[in-house]
Amino acid sequence: ECIFCSEHLNTQLASLSINVEPSFRVKASSTILRMVSQGLGMAVMAKLAIDELPENVKVVAMDSLLERKISIAIAPENLKIPAIRVFLSLLKDAYPNSEIPSLNIKQA
């Protein structure tokens, strides 16, 4: 279990007046899915964490109920790499209010 994800999830659910008291705290997503498969409950987890879904487990989308913050980690010296600069520039264009630095990219 990711403590940051757990705290984030609990905060968002609490804002909807939903109080969750988990019976189990498990770190490995494969273990969580096996427990759900065995009828021990349900899980709220990121779709990216699901490698292989047991046959008897169904994924139900939660619309846009939950949000998560995604960050970019980059070493300053890698800002010299053209592909990284272009990628960051595209992200900045898509998310202008983000903390992504503005880079001067010369168009070819």
N, C-alpha and C. Protein backbone atom coordinates (compact mmCIF):
# COMPACT_ATOMS: atom_id res chain seq x y z
N GLU A 1 0.85 -1.19 0.00
CA GLU A 1 0.00 0.00 0.00
C GLU A 1 0.88 1.23 0.00
N CYS A 2 0.58 2.14 -0.86
CA CYS A 2 1.29 3.41 -0.90
C CYS A 2 0.64 4.35 0.11
N ILE A 3 1.39 4.74 1.13
CA ILE A 3 0.80 5.58 2.18
C ILE A 3 0.31 6.91 1.63
N PHE A 4 1.01 7.46 0.63
CA PHE A 4 0.58 8.72 0.04
C PHE A 4 -0.73 8.54 -0.72
N CYS A 5 -0.83 7.44 -1.47
CA CYS A 5 -2.07 7.17 -2.22
C CYS A 5 -3.23 6.94 -1.25
N SER A 6 -2.97 6.20 -0.19
CA SER A 6 -4.00 5.91 0.80
C SER A 6 -4.52 7.18 1.45
N GLU A 7 -3.61 8.05 1.86
CA GLU A 7 -4.01 9.32 2.47
C GLU A 7 -4.79 10.18 1.48
N HIS A 8 -4.32 10.23 0.25
CA HIS A 8 -4.98 11.02 -0.80
C HIS A 8 -6.39 10.49 -1.05
N LEU A 9 -6.53 9.18 -1.16
CA LEU A 9 -7.83 8.56 -1.38
C LEU A 9 -8.77 8.85 -0.22
N ASN A 10 -8.29 8.67 1.01
CA ASN A 10 -9.13 8.93 2.18
C ASN A 10 -9.58 10.38 2.25
N THR A 11 -8.70 11.31 1.90
CA THR A 11 -9.05 12.73 1.90
C THR A 11 -10.15 13.02 0.88
N GLN A 12 -9.99 12.45 -0.32
CA GLN A 12 -11.00 12.70 -1.36
C GLN A 12 -12.33 12.06 -1.00
N LEU A 13 -12.30 10.85 -0.45
CA LEU A 13 -13.55 10.19 -0.06
C LEU A 13 -14.21 10.94 1.10
N ALA A 14 -13.41 11.42 2.04
CA ALA A 14 -13.95 12.18 3.17
C ALA A 14 -14.64 13.45 2.69
N SER A 15 -14.12 14.07 1.63
CA SER A 15 -14.76 15.27 1.09
C SER A 15 -16.14 14.96 0.52
N LEU A 16 -16.39 13.68 0.25
CA LEU A 16 -17.70 13.24 -0.24
C LEU A 16 -18.52 12.61 0.88
N SER A 17 -18.05 12.79 2.13
CA SER A 17 -18.70 12.22 3.32
C SER A 17 -18.70 10.70 3.29
N ILE A 18 -17.65 10.12 2.74
CA ILE A 18 -17.49 8.66 2.72
C ILE A 18 -16.33 8.31 3.63
N ASN A 19 -16.60 7.52 4.67
CA ASN A 19 -15.56 7.11 5.60
C ASN A 19 -15.23 5.64 5.34
N VAL A 20 -13.98 5.35 5.07
CA VAL A 20 -13.56 3.99 4.76
C VAL A 20 -12.61 3.49 5.84
N GLU A 21 -12.92 2.33 6.40
CA GLU A 21 -12.05 1.67 7.37
C GLU A 21 -11.65 0.32 6.77
N PRO A 22 -10.47 0.24 6.15
CA PRO A 22 -10.07 -1.02 5.51
C PRO A 22 -9.86 -2.14 6.52
N SER A 23 -10.28 -3.34 6.12
CA SER A 23 -10.06 -4.53 6.95
C SER A 23 -8.65 -5.06 6.77
N PHE A 24 -8.07 -4.83 5.60
CA PHE A 24 -6.72 -5.29 5.29
C PHE A 24 -5.94 -4.15 4.66
N ARG A 25 -4.63 -4.14 4.90
CA ARG A 25 -3.73 -3.20 4.23
C ARG A 25 -2.66 -4.06 3.56
N VAL A 26 -2.64 -4.01 2.24
CA VAL A 26 -1.76 -4.87 1.46
C VAL A 26 -0.98 -4.01 0.48
N LYS A 27 0.30 -4.33 0.27
CA LYS A 27 1.15 -3.53 -0.63
C LYS A 27 1.07 -3.99 -2.08
N ALA A 28 1.11 -5.28 -2.33
CA ALA A 28 1.19 -5.79 -3.70
C ALA A 28 -0.18 -5.81 -4.37
N SER A 29 -0.28 -5.19 -5.54
CA SER A 29 -1.56 -5.15 -6.24
C SER A 29 -2.04 -6.55 -6.62
N SER A 30 -1.11 -7.46 -6.92
CA SER A 30 -1.50 -8.83 -7.26
C SER A 30 -2.16 -9.52 -6.07
N THR A 31 -1.66 -9.24 -4.86
CA THR A 31 -2.26 -9.81 -3.65
C THR A 31 -3.65 -9.23 -3.43
N ILE A 32 -3.78 -7.93 -3.63
CA ILE A 32 -5.08 -7.27 -3.47
C ILE A 32 -6.10 -7.92 -4.41
N LEU A 33 -5.72 -8.10 -5.67
CA LEU A 33 -6.65 -8.68 -6.64
C LEU A 33 -6.99 -10.12 -6.31
N ARG A 34 -6.02 -10.89 -5.80
CA ARG A 34 -6.32 -12.27 -5.38
C ARG A 34 -7.30 -12.28 -4.22
N MET A 35 -7.14 -11.35 -3.28
CA MET A 35 -8.06 -11.28 -2.14
C MET A 35 -9.47 -10.92 -2.62
N VAL A 36 -9.58 -9.98 -3.55
CA VAL A 36 -10.89 -9.63 -4.12
C VAL A 36 -11.47 -10.85 -4.82
N SER A 37 -10.64 -11.56 -5.57
CA SER A 37 -11.07 -12.75 -6.30
C SER A 37 -11.60 -13.83 -5.36
N GLN A 38 -11.04 -13.90 -4.15
CA GLN A 38 -11.45 -14.90 -3.17
C GLN A 38 -12.66 -14.45 -2.34
N GLY A 39 -13.20 -13.27 -2.67
CA GLY A 39 -14.40 -12.81 -1.98
C GLY A 39 -14.15 -12.11 -0.66
N LEU A 40 -12.93 -11.62 -0.46
CA LEU A 40 -12.59 -10.96 0.81
C LEU A 40 -12.89 -9.47 0.81
N GLY A 41 -13.51 -8.97 -0.24
CA GLY A 41 -13.85 -7.55 -0.26
C GLY A 41 -13.67 -6.95 -1.63
N MET A 42 -13.43 -5.65 -1.62
CA MET A 42 -13.23 -4.90 -2.86
C MET A 42 -12.03 -4.00 -2.68
N ALA A 43 -11.59 -3.40 -3.77
CA ALA A 43 -10.42 -2.53 -3.71
C ALA A 43 -10.63 -1.32 -4.60
N VAL A 44 -10.07 -0.20 -4.18
CA VAL A 44 -10.00 0.99 -5.01
C VAL A 44 -8.54 1.12 -5.40
N MET A 45 -8.26 1.01 -6.69
CA MET A 45 -6.87 1.06 -7.13
C MET A 45 -6.78 1.65 -8.53
N ALA A 46 -5.61 2.14 -8.84
CA ALA A 46 -5.38 2.72 -10.17
C ALA A 46 -5.40 1.63 -11.22
N LYS A 47 -5.97 1.94 -12.37
CA LYS A 47 -6.03 0.97 -13.46
C LYS A 47 -4.63 0.53 -13.88
N LEU A 48 -3.66 1.43 -13.80
CA LEU A 48 -2.28 1.09 -14.16
C LEU A 48 -1.68 0.03 -13.23
N ALA A 49 -2.25 -0.15 -12.04
CA ALA A 49 -1.73 -1.12 -11.08
C ALA A 49 -2.24 -2.53 -11.37
N ILE A 50 -3.15 -2.66 -12.30
CA ILE A 50 -3.74 -3.97 -12.60
C ILE A 50 -2.98 -4.61 -13.75
N ASP A 51 -2.12 -5.57 -13.42
CA ASP A 51 -1.35 -6.27 -14.45
C ASP A 51 -2.19 -7.36 -15.11
N GLU A 52 -2.80 -8.19 -14.27
CA GLU A 52 -3.60 -9.30 -14.77
C GLU A 52 -4.84 -9.41 -13.90
N LEU A 53 -6.00 -9.31 -14.51
CA LEU A 53 -7.26 -9.32 -13.78
C LEU A 53 -7.79 -10.75 -13.69
N PRO A 54 -8.06 -11.24 -12.46
CA PRO A 54 -8.67 -12.57 -12.33
C PRO A 54 -10.01 -12.61 -13.07
N GLU A 55 -10.37 -13.78 -13.59
CA GLU A 55 -11.58 -13.92 -14.40
C GLU A 55 -12.85 -13.48 -13.68
N ASN A 56 -12.92 -13.73 -12.38
CA ASN A 56 -14.15 -13.43 -11.64
C ASN A 56 -14.17 -12.03 -11.02
N VAL A 57 -13.20 -11.19 -11.40
CA VAL A 57 -13.14 -9.82 -10.86
C VAL A 57 -13.50 -8.85 -11.98
N LYS A 58 -14.37 -7.92 -11.65
CA LYS A 58 -14.82 -6.93 -12.63
C LYS A 58 -14.30 -5.56 -12.23
N VAL A 59 -13.82 -4.79 -13.21
CA VAL A 59 -13.37 -3.42 -12.98
C VAL A 59 -14.55 -2.50 -13.26
N VAL A 60 -14.82 -1.61 -12.33
CA VAL A 60 -15.90 -0.64 -12.48
C VAL A 60 -15.28 0.75 -12.45
N ALA A 61 -15.47 1.52 -13.51
CA ALA A 61 -14.91 2.87 -13.58
C ALA A 61 -15.64 3.77 -12.58
N MET A 62 -14.88 4.70 -11.99
CA MET A 62 -15.45 5.61 -11.01
C MET A 62 -15.64 7.00 -11.61
N ASP A 63 -15.85 7.06 -12.91
CA ASP A 63 -15.97 8.34 -13.61
C ASP A 63 -14.76 9.20 -13.27
N SER A 64 -14.97 10.45 -12.94
CA SER A 64 -13.85 11.30 -12.57
C SER A 64 -13.94 11.67 -11.09
N LEU A 65 -14.39 10.72 -10.30
CA LEU A 65 -14.56 10.95 -8.87
C LEU A 65 -13.24 11.31 -8.20
N LEU A 66 -12.19 10.61 -8.56
CA LEU A 66 -10.90 10.80 -7.90
C LEU A 66 -9.88 11.44 -8.84
N GLU A 67 -9.04 12.26 -8.29
CA GLU A 67 -7.95 12.86 -9.05
C GLU A 67 -6.64 12.47 -8.39
N ARG A 68 -5.60 12.44 -9.17
CA ARG A 68 -4.29 12.20 -8.58
C ARG A 68 -3.28 13.13 -9.22
N LYS A 69 -2.32 13.53 -8.43
CA LYS A 69 -1.28 14.43 -8.90
C LYS A 69 -0.13 13.59 -9.46
N ILE A 70 0.29 13.92 -10.65
CA ILE A 70 1.41 13.23 -11.27
C ILE A 70 2.53 14.24 -11.44
N SER A 71 3.72 13.85 -11.04
CA SER A 71 4.87 14.75 -11.08
C SER A 71 5.91 14.26 -12.08
N ILE A 72 6.78 15.16 -12.45
CA ILE A 72 7.88 14.85 -13.35
C ILE A 72 9.18 15.04 -12.58
N ALA A 73 10.04 14.04 -12.62
CA ALA A 73 11.35 14.15 -11.99
C ALA A 73 12.39 14.20 -13.11
N ILE A 74 13.23 15.20 -13.05
CA ILE A 74 14.24 15.36 -14.10
C ILE A 74 15.47 16.03 -13.51
N ALA A 75 16.63 15.54 -13.90
CA ALA A 75 17.88 16.16 -13.48
C ALA A 75 18.09 17.41 -14.33
N PRO A 76 18.50 18.53 -13.72
CA PRO A 76 18.66 19.79 -14.47
C PRO A 76 19.53 19.66 -15.72
N GLU A 77 20.58 18.84 -15.66
CA GLU A 77 21.44 18.72 -16.84
C GLU A 77 20.73 18.06 -18.02
N ASN A 78 19.64 17.33 -17.75
CA ASN A 78 18.89 16.68 -18.84
C ASN A 78 17.99 17.65 -19.60
N LEU A 79 17.87 18.88 -19.10
CA LEU A 79 17.09 19.89 -19.82
C LEU A 79 17.76 20.28 -21.13
N LYS A 80 19.01 19.85 -21.32
CA LYS A 80 19.73 20.13 -22.57
C LYS A 80 19.32 19.15 -23.68
N ILE A 81 18.69 18.05 -23.33
CA ILE A 81 18.32 17.02 -24.31
C ILE A 81 17.08 17.50 -25.08
N PRO A 82 17.20 17.61 -26.40
CA PRO A 82 16.09 18.15 -27.20
C PRO A 82 14.75 17.43 -27.00
N ALA A 83 14.75 16.11 -26.96
CA ALA A 83 13.49 15.37 -26.81
C ALA A 83 12.81 15.71 -25.48
N ILE A 84 13.60 15.87 -24.43
CA ILE A 84 13.04 16.23 -23.13
C ILE A 84 12.47 17.64 -23.17
N ARG A 85 13.18 18.54 -23.80
CA ARG A 85 12.70 19.93 -23.91
C ARG A 85 11.39 20.00 -24.69
N VAL A 86 11.29 19.25 -25.78
CA VAL A 86 10.06 19.24 -26.57
C VAL A 86 8.92 18.64 -25.75
N PHE A 87 9.18 17.53 -25.07
CA PHE A 87 8.14 16.89 -24.25
C PHE A 87 7.63 17.85 -23.17
N LEU A 88 8.55 18.50 -22.46
CA LEU A 88 8.15 19.44 -21.41
C LEU A 88 7.38 20.62 -22.00
N SER A 89 7.78 21.06 -23.17
CA SER A 89 7.09 22.16 -23.84
C SER A 89 5.65 21.76 -24.19
N LEU A 90 5.48 20.54 -24.69
CA LEU A 90 4.13 20.05 -25.01
C LEU A 90 3.27 19.95 -23.75
N LEU A 91 3.87 19.47 -22.66
CA LEU A 91 3.13 19.40 -21.40
C LEU A 91 2.74 20.79 -20.91
N LYS A 92 3.66 21.74 -21.03
CA LYS A 92 3.37 23.11 -20.60
C LYS A 92 2.23 23.70 -21.43
N ASP A 93 2.22 23.41 -22.74
CA ASP A 93 1.13 23.89 -23.59
C ASP A 93 -0.21 23.28 -23.16
N ALA A 94 -0.18 21.99 -22.80
CA ALA A 94 -1.41 21.30 -22.40
C ALA A 94 -1.87 21.72 -21.01
N TYR A 95 -0.91 22.03 -20.13
CA TYR A 95 -1.23 22.40 -18.74
C TYR A 95 -0.53 23.71 -18.40
N PRO A 96 -1.01 24.83 -18.94
CA PRO A 96 -0.31 26.11 -18.77
C PRO A 96 -0.23 26.60 -17.33
N ASN A 97 -1.13 26.16 -16.47
CA ASN A 97 -1.10 26.61 -15.07
C ASN A 97 -0.26 25.71 -14.17
N SER A 98 0.41 24.73 -14.76
CA SER A 98 1.23 23.80 -13.98
C SER A 98 2.56 24.46 -13.60
N GLU A 99 3.33 23.74 -12.81
CA GLU A 99 4.65 24.23 -12.39
C GLU A 99 5.75 23.85 -13.38
N ILE A 100 5.37 23.32 -14.52
CA ILE A 100 6.36 22.94 -15.54
C ILE A 100 7.03 24.21 -16.04
N PRO A 101 8.37 24.22 -16.08
CA PRO A 101 9.06 25.45 -16.50
C PRO A 101 8.80 25.75 -17.98
N SER A 102 8.71 27.03 -18.29
CA SER A 102 8.57 27.44 -19.69
C SER A 102 9.94 27.38 -20.35
N LEU A 103 10.02 26.69 -21.47
CA LEU A 103 11.28 26.54 -22.19
C LEU A 103 11.14 27.18 -23.56
N ASN A 104 12.18 27.84 -23.99
CA ASN A 104 12.17 28.42 -25.34
C ASN A 104 12.61 27.35 -26.32
N ILE A 105 11.65 26.84 -27.08
CA ILE A 105 11.93 25.80 -28.06
C ILE A 105 11.93 26.43 -29.44
N LYS A 106 13.03 26.27 -30.15
CA LYS A 106 13.11 26.81 -31.52
C LYS A 106 12.44 25.83 -32.46
N GLN A 107 11.48 26.33 -33.23
CA GLN A 107 10.78 25.50 -34.21
C GLN A 107 11.66 25.32 -35.44
N ALA A 108 11.75 24.08 -35.93
CA ALA A 108 12.57 23.80 -37.12
C ALA A 108 11.81 24.11 -38.37
